[in-house]
């Protein structure tokens, strides 16, 4: 099995920048899924349903992020964000 890693985010940001960065990631993922829905055959109801559920999950995560950041609004704090994408290639 071949593994490749991309260190996507590995830094500390103020809350405003952290919120902007994470919100953009969530928005981009939602847009990606919406594009997949458009490309999915209309009769593939199960796939479309799963993709729509994922969008709802991401929207909930976004609301959770907003609430999390609101807890520290006005405080002199920073957010450390680390995100590494790990990809594995394996034979079918």
C-alpha atoms as a PDB file:
ATOM      1  CA  UNK A   1       0.000   0.000   0.000  1.00  0.00           C
ATOM      2  CA  UNK A   2       1.316   3.426  -0.975  1.00  0.00           C
ATOM      3  CA  UNK A   3       0.676   6.375   1.327  1.00  0.00           C
ATOM      4  CA  UNK A   4       1.024  10.065   0.553  1.00  0.00           C
ATOM      5  CA  UNK A   5       0.452  12.969   2.926  1.00  0.00           C
ATOM      6  CA  UNK A   6      -0.327  16.620   2.314  1.00  0.00           C
ATOM      7  CA  UNK A   7       0.172  18.948   5.262  1.00  0.00           C
ATOM      8  CA  UNK A   8      -2.756  21.198   4.441  1.00  0.00           C
ATOM      9  CA  UNK A   9      -2.852  23.461   7.499  1.00  0.00           C
ATOM     10  CA  UNK A  10      -0.306  23.652  10.279  1.00  0.00           C
ATOM     11  CA  UNK A  11      -0.394  27.066  11.894  1.00  0.00           C
ATOM     12  CA  UNK A  12      -1.833  29.332  14.562  1.00  0.00           C
ATOM     13  CA  UNK A  13      -4.277  32.091  13.621  1.00  0.00           C
ATOM     14  CA  UNK A  14      -6.413  34.655  15.400  1.00  0.00           C
ATOM     15  CA  UNK A  15     -10.065  33.678  15.713  1.00  0.00           C
ATOM     16  CA  UNK A  16     -11.272  35.783  12.801  1.00  0.00           C
ATOM     17  CA  UNK A  17      -8.736  34.328  10.369  1.00  0.00           C
ATOM     18  CA  UNK A  18      -9.363  30.823  11.737  1.00  0.00           C
ATOM     19  CA  UNK A  19     -13.085  31.211  11.165  1.00  0.00           C
ATOM     20  CA  UNK A  20     -12.529  32.521   7.630  1.00  0.00           C
ATOM     21  CA  UNK A  21     -10.152  29.671   6.757  1.00  0.00           C
ATOM     22  CA  UNK A  22     -12.305  26.888   8.151  1.00  0.00           C
ATOM     23  CA  UNK A  23     -15.499  28.377   6.724  1.00  0.00           C
ATOM     24  CA  UNK A  24     -13.910  28.462   3.261  1.00  0.00           C
ATOM     25  CA  UNK A  25     -12.934  24.805   3.559  1.00  0.00           C
ATOM     26  CA  UNK A  26     -16.462  23.833   4.582  1.00  0.00           C
ATOM     27  CA  UNK A  27     -18.007  25.973   1.825  1.00  0.00           C
ATOM     28  CA  UNK A  28     -15.676  24.467  -0.788  1.00  0.00           C
ATOM     29  CA  UNK A  29     -16.572  20.942   0.336  1.00  0.00           C
ATOM     30  CA  UNK A  30     -20.292  21.729   0.158  1.00  0.00           C
ATOM     31  CA  UNK A  31     -19.856  23.155  -3.353  1.00  0.00           C
ATOM     32  CA  UNK A  32     -17.903  20.047  -4.373  1.00  0.00           C
ATOM     33  CA  UNK A  33     -20.711  17.789  -3.133  1.00  0.00           C
ATOM     34  CA  UNK A  34     -23.344  19.938  -4.850  1.00  0.00           C
ATOM     35  CA  UNK A  35     -21.416  19.500  -8.115  1.00  0.00           C
ATOM     36  CA  UNK A  36     -21.356  15.741  -7.546  1.00  0.00           C
ATOM     37  CA  UNK A  37     -25.123  15.767  -7.031  1.00  0.00           C
ATOM     38  CA  UNK A  38     -25.546  17.566 -10.372  1.00  0.00           C
ATOM     39  CA  UNK A  39     -23.358  14.920 -12.042  1.00  0.00           C
ATOM     40  CA  UNK A  40     -25.193  11.993 -10.448  1.00  0.00           C
ATOM     41  CA  UNK A  41     -27.908  10.275 -12.439  1.00  0.00           C
ATOM     42  CA  UNK A  42     -31.343  11.378 -11.146  1.00  0.00           C
ATOM     43  CA  UNK A  43     -32.414   7.769 -10.690  1.00  0.00           C
ATOM     44  CA  UNK A  44     -29.511   7.144  -8.265  1.00  0.00           C
ATOM     45  CA  UNK A  45     -31.639   8.255  -5.338  1.00  0.00           C
ATOM     46  CA  UNK A  46     -29.497   6.518  -2.715  1.00  0.00           C
ATOM     47  CA  UNK A  47     -26.309   8.299  -3.812  1.00  0.00           C
ATOM     48  CA  UNK A  48     -28.065  11.674  -3.977  1.00  0.00           C
ATOM     49  CA  UNK A  49     -29.560  11.082  -0.546  1.00  0.00           C
ATOM     50  CA  UNK A  50     -26.145  10.242   0.938  1.00  0.00           C
ATOM     51  CA  UNK A  51     -24.606  13.343  -0.624  1.00  0.00           C
ATOM     52  CA  UNK A  52     -27.412  15.536   0.719  1.00  0.00           C
ATOM     53  CA  UNK A  53     -26.907  14.056   4.183  1.00  0.00           C
ATOM     54  CA  UNK A  54     -23.213  14.920   3.968  1.00  0.00           C
ATOM     55  CA  UNK A  55     -24.106  18.520   3.094  1.00  0.00           C
ATOM     56  CA  UNK A  56     -26.383  18.696   6.133  1.00  0.00           C
ATOM     57  CA  UNK A  57     -23.581  17.285   8.307  1.00  0.00           C
ATOM     58  CA  UNK A  58     -21.193  19.946   7.019  1.00  0.00           C
ATOM     59  CA  UNK A  59     -23.732  22.710   7.670  1.00  0.00           C
ATOM     60  CA  UNK A  60     -24.112  21.427  11.233  1.00  0.00           C
ATOM     61  CA  UNK A  61     -20.322  21.415  11.605  1.00  0.00           C
ATOM     62  CA  UNK A  62     -20.258  25.009  10.368  1.00  0.00           C
ATOM     63  CA  UNK A  63     -22.850  26.059  12.952  1.00  0.00           C
ATOM     64  CA  UNK A  64     -20.885  24.220  15.638  1.00  0.00           C
ATOM     65  CA  UNK A  65     -17.720  26.056  14.595  1.00  0.00           C
ATOM     66  CA  UNK A  66     -19.527  29.407  14.807  1.00  0.00           C
ATOM     67  CA  UNK A  67     -20.751  28.610  18.323  1.00  0.00           C
ATOM     68  CA  UNK A  68     -17.300  27.415  19.368  1.00  0.00           C
ATOM     69  CA  UNK A  69     -15.675  30.625  18.163  1.00  0.00           C
ATOM     70  CA  UNK A  70     -18.423  32.772  19.728  1.00  0.00           C
ATOM     71  CA  UNK A  71     -17.416  31.364  23.125  1.00  0.00           C
ATOM     72  CA  UNK A  72     -14.067  33.143  22.780  1.00  0.00           C
ATOM     73  CA  UNK A  73     -15.173  36.270  20.924  1.00  0.00           C
ATOM     74  CA  UNK A  74     -13.506  39.380  22.310  1.00  0.00           C
ATOM     75  CA  UNK A  75     -10.847  37.406  24.152  1.00  0.00           C
ATOM     76  CA  UNK A  76      -7.185  37.665  23.269  1.00  0.00           C
ATOM     77  CA  UNK A  77      -6.798  34.094  22.003  1.00  0.00           C
ATOM     78  CA  UNK A  78      -5.464  32.251  18.982  1.00  0.00           C
ATOM     79  CA  UNK A  79      -6.505  28.993  17.390  1.00  0.00           C
ATOM     80  CA  UNK A  80      -3.996  26.343  16.436  1.00  0.00           C
ATOM     81  CA  UNK A  81      -5.146  24.378  13.400  1.00  0.00           C
ATOM     82  CA  UNK A  82      -3.524  21.222  12.125  1.00  0.00           C
ATOM     83  CA  UNK A  83      -4.843  19.243   9.202  1.00  0.00           C
ATOM     84  CA  UNK A  84      -3.026  16.606   7.236  1.00  0.00           C
ATOM     85  CA  UNK A  85      -4.636  14.736   4.373  1.00  0.00           C
ATOM     86  CA  UNK A  86      -3.510  11.110   4.290  1.00  0.00           C
ATOM     87  CA  UNK A  87      -4.081   9.209   1.062  1.00  0.00           C
ATOM     88  CA  UNK A  88      -3.605   5.484   0.680  1.00  0.00           C
ATOM     89  CA  UNK A  89      -3.509   3.601  -2.593  1.00  0.00           C
ATOM     90  CA  UNK A  90      -4.365  -0.064  -2.400  1.00  0.00           C
ATOM     91  CA  UNK A  91      -5.325  -2.670  -4.916  1.00  0.00           C
ATOM     92  CA  UNK A  92      -8.988  -3.615  -5.296  1.00  0.00           C
END
